[in-house]
N, C-alpha and C. Protein backbone atom coordinates (compact mmCIF):
# COMPACT_ATOMS: atom_id res chain seq x y z
N MET A 1 -11.71 -18.12 -10.04
CA MET A 1 -11.05 -16.84 -10.13
C MET A 1 -9.73 -16.91 -9.36
N GLY A 2 -8.69 -16.29 -9.88
CA GLY A 2 -7.38 -16.33 -9.25
C GLY A 2 -7.15 -15.15 -8.33
N GLU A 3 -5.91 -15.04 -7.89
CA GLU A 3 -5.53 -13.95 -7.01
C GLU A 3 -4.46 -13.10 -7.68
N VAL A 4 -4.40 -11.84 -7.27
CA VAL A 4 -3.46 -10.88 -7.84
C VAL A 4 -2.63 -10.28 -6.72
N LEU A 5 -1.31 -10.20 -6.94
CA LEU A 5 -0.39 -9.53 -6.01
C LEU A 5 -0.11 -8.14 -6.58
N THR A 6 -0.41 -7.12 -5.79
CA THR A 6 -0.20 -5.73 -6.20
C THR A 6 0.85 -5.10 -5.29
N THR A 7 1.76 -4.35 -5.90
CA THR A 7 2.77 -3.61 -5.14
C THR A 7 2.48 -2.13 -5.27
N MET A 8 2.45 -1.46 -4.12
CA MET A 8 2.11 -0.03 -4.06
C MET A 8 3.21 0.72 -3.32
N LYS A 9 3.65 1.84 -3.90
CA LYS A 9 4.61 2.73 -3.24
C LYS A 9 3.82 3.88 -2.63
N ILE A 10 3.98 4.07 -1.33
CA ILE A 10 3.25 5.09 -0.59
C ILE A 10 4.24 6.16 -0.15
N MET A 11 4.02 7.38 -0.64
CA MET A 11 4.92 8.49 -0.32
C MET A 11 4.31 9.34 0.79
N PRO A 12 5.06 9.57 1.88
CA PRO A 12 4.57 10.42 2.96
C PRO A 12 4.68 11.90 2.59
N ASP A 13 3.95 12.73 3.34
CA ASP A 13 3.97 14.18 3.12
C ASP A 13 5.36 14.78 3.32
N SER A 14 6.10 14.25 4.30
CA SER A 14 7.42 14.80 4.61
C SER A 14 8.26 13.72 5.31
N PRO A 15 9.56 13.97 5.45
CA PRO A 15 10.42 13.01 6.16
C PRO A 15 10.06 12.87 7.64
N ASP A 16 9.29 13.82 8.18
CA ASP A 16 8.95 13.81 9.60
C ASP A 16 7.73 12.96 9.93
N ILE A 17 7.05 12.42 8.94
CA ILE A 17 5.84 11.62 9.16
C ILE A 17 6.23 10.30 9.84
N ASP A 18 5.41 9.88 10.79
CA ASP A 18 5.61 8.62 11.51
C ASP A 18 5.19 7.46 10.62
N LEU A 19 6.16 6.77 10.01
CA LEU A 19 5.85 5.67 9.10
C LEU A 19 5.22 4.49 9.83
N GLU A 20 5.56 4.31 11.10
CA GLU A 20 4.97 3.21 11.88
C GLU A 20 3.46 3.43 12.04
N ALA A 21 3.05 4.68 12.18
CA ALA A 21 1.62 4.98 12.29
C ALA A 21 0.91 4.67 10.97
N ILE A 22 1.53 5.01 9.85
CA ILE A 22 0.95 4.69 8.55
C ILE A 22 0.83 3.19 8.38
N LYS A 23 1.88 2.45 8.71
CA LYS A 23 1.85 0.98 8.56
C LYS A 23 0.81 0.36 9.49
N SER A 24 0.70 0.87 10.70
CA SER A 24 -0.28 0.35 11.65
C SER A 24 -1.71 0.60 11.15
N THR A 25 -1.96 1.76 10.58
CA THR A 25 -3.27 2.07 10.05
C THR A 25 -3.61 1.16 8.87
N ILE A 26 -2.64 0.91 8.03
CA ILE A 26 -2.86 -0.01 6.90
C ILE A 26 -3.22 -1.40 7.42
N GLU A 27 -2.46 -1.88 8.39
CA GLU A 27 -2.69 -3.23 8.92
C GLU A 27 -4.08 -3.36 9.55
N SER A 28 -4.55 -2.31 10.19
CA SER A 28 -5.83 -2.40 10.87
C SER A 28 -7.02 -2.03 9.99
N SER A 29 -6.76 -1.51 8.79
CA SER A 29 -7.86 -1.00 7.95
C SER A 29 -7.98 -1.67 6.59
N MET A 30 -7.30 -2.79 6.38
CA MET A 30 -7.39 -3.44 5.07
C MET A 30 -8.84 -3.81 4.76
N PRO A 31 -9.31 -3.47 3.56
CA PRO A 31 -10.68 -3.79 3.18
C PRO A 31 -10.91 -5.30 3.11
N GLU A 32 -12.16 -5.70 3.23
CA GLU A 32 -12.51 -7.11 3.12
C GLU A 32 -12.12 -7.61 1.73
N GLY A 33 -11.55 -8.80 1.69
CA GLY A 33 -11.14 -9.39 0.42
C GLY A 33 -9.71 -9.07 0.04
N ALA A 34 -9.02 -8.27 0.85
CA ALA A 34 -7.61 -7.94 0.60
C ALA A 34 -6.79 -8.35 1.82
N ARG A 35 -5.60 -8.86 1.55
CA ARG A 35 -4.73 -9.22 2.67
C ARG A 35 -3.29 -8.79 2.36
N ILE A 36 -2.59 -8.43 3.40
CA ILE A 36 -1.22 -7.94 3.27
C ILE A 36 -0.27 -9.12 3.05
N GLN A 37 0.59 -8.96 2.07
CA GLN A 37 1.68 -9.93 1.84
C GLN A 37 2.93 -9.45 2.58
N GLU A 38 3.24 -8.15 2.41
CA GLU A 38 4.45 -7.59 3.04
C GLU A 38 4.35 -6.07 3.08
N ILE A 39 4.90 -5.49 4.14
CA ILE A 39 5.06 -4.04 4.23
C ILE A 39 6.54 -3.79 4.54
N SER A 40 7.16 -2.93 3.73
CA SER A 40 8.57 -2.62 3.95
C SER A 40 8.79 -1.13 3.71
N GLU A 41 10.02 -0.69 3.87
CA GLU A 41 10.37 0.71 3.66
C GLU A 41 11.47 0.80 2.61
N GLU A 42 11.43 1.89 1.83
CA GLU A 42 12.44 2.13 0.79
C GLU A 42 12.93 3.57 0.89
N PRO A 43 14.22 3.75 1.23
CA PRO A 43 14.76 5.12 1.27
C PRO A 43 14.69 5.75 -0.12
N ILE A 44 14.25 7.01 -0.18
CA ILE A 44 14.13 7.72 -1.45
C ILE A 44 15.28 8.72 -1.59
N ALA A 45 15.25 9.80 -0.82
CA ALA A 45 16.32 10.81 -0.86
C ALA A 45 16.10 11.81 0.26
N PHE A 46 17.20 12.38 0.75
CA PHE A 46 17.15 13.46 1.74
C PHE A 46 16.29 13.12 2.95
N GLY A 47 16.38 11.87 3.41
CA GLY A 47 15.65 11.45 4.60
C GLY A 47 14.22 11.00 4.34
N LEU A 48 13.74 11.14 3.12
CA LEU A 48 12.38 10.70 2.78
C LEU A 48 12.38 9.20 2.54
N VAL A 49 11.43 8.51 3.17
CA VAL A 49 11.33 7.06 3.06
C VAL A 49 9.91 6.71 2.62
N ALA A 50 9.81 5.86 1.59
CA ALA A 50 8.50 5.40 1.11
C ALA A 50 8.15 4.09 1.81
N VAL A 51 6.84 3.86 1.97
CA VAL A 51 6.34 2.57 2.46
C VAL A 51 5.97 1.75 1.23
N ILE A 52 6.46 0.52 1.17
CA ILE A 52 6.13 -0.37 0.07
C ILE A 52 5.16 -1.42 0.61
N LEU A 53 3.96 -1.45 0.02
CA LEU A 53 2.91 -2.37 0.44
C LEU A 53 2.67 -3.38 -0.66
N GLN A 54 2.77 -4.66 -0.32
CA GLN A 54 2.37 -5.73 -1.23
C GLN A 54 1.14 -6.38 -0.64
N PHE A 55 0.08 -6.47 -1.45
CA PHE A 55 -1.15 -7.05 -0.96
C PHE A 55 -1.79 -7.93 -2.02
N ILE A 56 -2.64 -8.85 -1.56
CA ILE A 56 -3.28 -9.82 -2.44
C ILE A 56 -4.77 -9.57 -2.44
N THR A 57 -5.36 -9.57 -3.65
CA THR A 57 -6.80 -9.44 -3.82
C THR A 57 -7.26 -10.49 -4.84
N GLU A 58 -8.56 -10.68 -4.92
CA GLU A 58 -9.12 -11.56 -5.94
C GLU A 58 -8.97 -10.89 -7.30
N ASP A 59 -8.77 -11.72 -8.32
CA ASP A 59 -8.67 -11.23 -9.69
C ASP A 59 -10.06 -10.88 -10.18
N GLY A 60 -10.35 -9.61 -10.25
CA GLY A 60 -11.66 -9.15 -10.69
C GLY A 60 -11.65 -7.66 -10.90
N GLU A 61 -12.72 -7.16 -11.41
CA GLU A 61 -12.82 -5.74 -11.70
C GLU A 61 -12.71 -4.91 -10.43
N GLY A 62 -11.87 -3.88 -10.47
CA GLY A 62 -11.71 -2.99 -9.33
C GLY A 62 -11.01 -3.62 -8.14
N GLY A 63 -10.21 -4.64 -8.36
CA GLY A 63 -9.59 -5.41 -7.28
C GLY A 63 -8.79 -4.61 -6.28
N SER A 64 -7.98 -3.66 -6.75
CA SER A 64 -7.13 -2.90 -5.82
C SER A 64 -7.73 -1.56 -5.42
N GLU A 65 -8.82 -1.15 -6.02
CA GLU A 65 -9.38 0.18 -5.75
C GLU A 65 -9.74 0.41 -4.28
N PRO A 66 -10.37 -0.54 -3.57
CA PRO A 66 -10.66 -0.28 -2.16
C PRO A 66 -9.41 -0.04 -1.32
N VAL A 67 -8.33 -0.76 -1.63
CA VAL A 67 -7.07 -0.57 -0.89
C VAL A 67 -6.48 0.80 -1.24
N GLU A 68 -6.49 1.16 -2.52
CA GLU A 68 -5.97 2.46 -2.93
C GLU A 68 -6.71 3.59 -2.23
N GLU A 69 -8.04 3.53 -2.19
CA GLU A 69 -8.84 4.56 -1.54
C GLU A 69 -8.56 4.64 -0.04
N MET A 70 -8.41 3.48 0.60
CA MET A 70 -8.12 3.45 2.02
C MET A 70 -6.77 4.10 2.32
N VAL A 71 -5.74 3.75 1.55
CA VAL A 71 -4.40 4.28 1.79
C VAL A 71 -4.36 5.79 1.53
N GLN A 72 -5.02 6.26 0.47
CA GLN A 72 -5.01 7.68 0.17
C GLN A 72 -5.70 8.50 1.27
N GLY A 73 -6.59 7.87 2.04
CA GLY A 73 -7.28 8.56 3.11
C GLY A 73 -6.52 8.64 4.42
N ILE A 74 -5.34 8.04 4.49
CA ILE A 74 -4.54 8.05 5.72
C ILE A 74 -3.83 9.39 5.87
N ASP A 75 -3.91 9.98 7.07
CA ASP A 75 -3.20 11.23 7.35
C ASP A 75 -1.71 11.03 7.15
N GLY A 76 -1.07 11.97 6.47
CA GLY A 76 0.37 11.91 6.25
C GLY A 76 0.77 11.28 4.94
N VAL A 77 -0.19 10.73 4.17
CA VAL A 77 0.12 10.14 2.88
C VAL A 77 -0.04 11.20 1.80
N ALA A 78 1.04 11.46 1.06
CA ALA A 78 1.01 12.47 0.00
C ALA A 78 0.51 11.87 -1.31
N SER A 79 1.01 10.66 -1.65
CA SER A 79 0.62 10.04 -2.91
C SER A 79 0.88 8.55 -2.84
N ILE A 80 0.23 7.84 -3.79
CA ILE A 80 0.48 6.42 -3.94
C ILE A 80 0.75 6.14 -5.41
N GLU A 81 1.47 5.05 -5.67
CA GLU A 81 1.75 4.63 -7.04
C GLU A 81 1.73 3.11 -7.07
N ILE A 82 0.97 2.55 -7.99
CA ILE A 82 0.99 1.10 -8.19
C ILE A 82 2.22 0.80 -9.04
N THR A 83 3.15 0.03 -8.49
CA THR A 83 4.41 -0.23 -9.19
C THR A 83 4.48 -1.63 -9.77
N GLY A 84 3.52 -2.47 -9.43
CA GLY A 84 3.52 -3.82 -9.98
C GLY A 84 2.22 -4.55 -9.71
N VAL A 85 1.82 -5.35 -10.69
CA VAL A 85 0.63 -6.18 -10.56
C VAL A 85 0.95 -7.50 -11.24
N GLY A 86 0.67 -8.60 -10.55
CA GLY A 86 0.92 -9.92 -11.12
C GLY A 86 -0.04 -10.95 -10.62
N ARG A 87 -0.44 -11.84 -11.49
CA ARG A 87 -1.37 -12.91 -11.12
C ARG A 87 -0.60 -14.01 -10.40
N LEU A 88 -1.18 -14.49 -9.30
CA LEU A 88 -0.58 -15.59 -8.55
C LEU A 88 -1.09 -16.92 -9.10
N MET A 89 -0.23 -17.88 -9.14
CA MET A 89 -0.63 -19.21 -9.62
C MET A 89 -0.83 -20.15 -8.47
């Protein structure tokens, strides 16, 4: 079985949310079988900044669902969007 790289855009509730706290929670709470490739920030508009999370999971059914559920449960996260999925060779 191969591995899959998933890119997720995480939108905070407001521009006042502490993005470092969100990133720290992600780093400490990644589900078993998932590992972080990169966490970055992307300015959106009017001071709002999204967190961009790239993570690797095994290629299988429901591969990114545990990560999606974990991120949606973080205080200050308004929404998430999967913006890319690709198989690693």
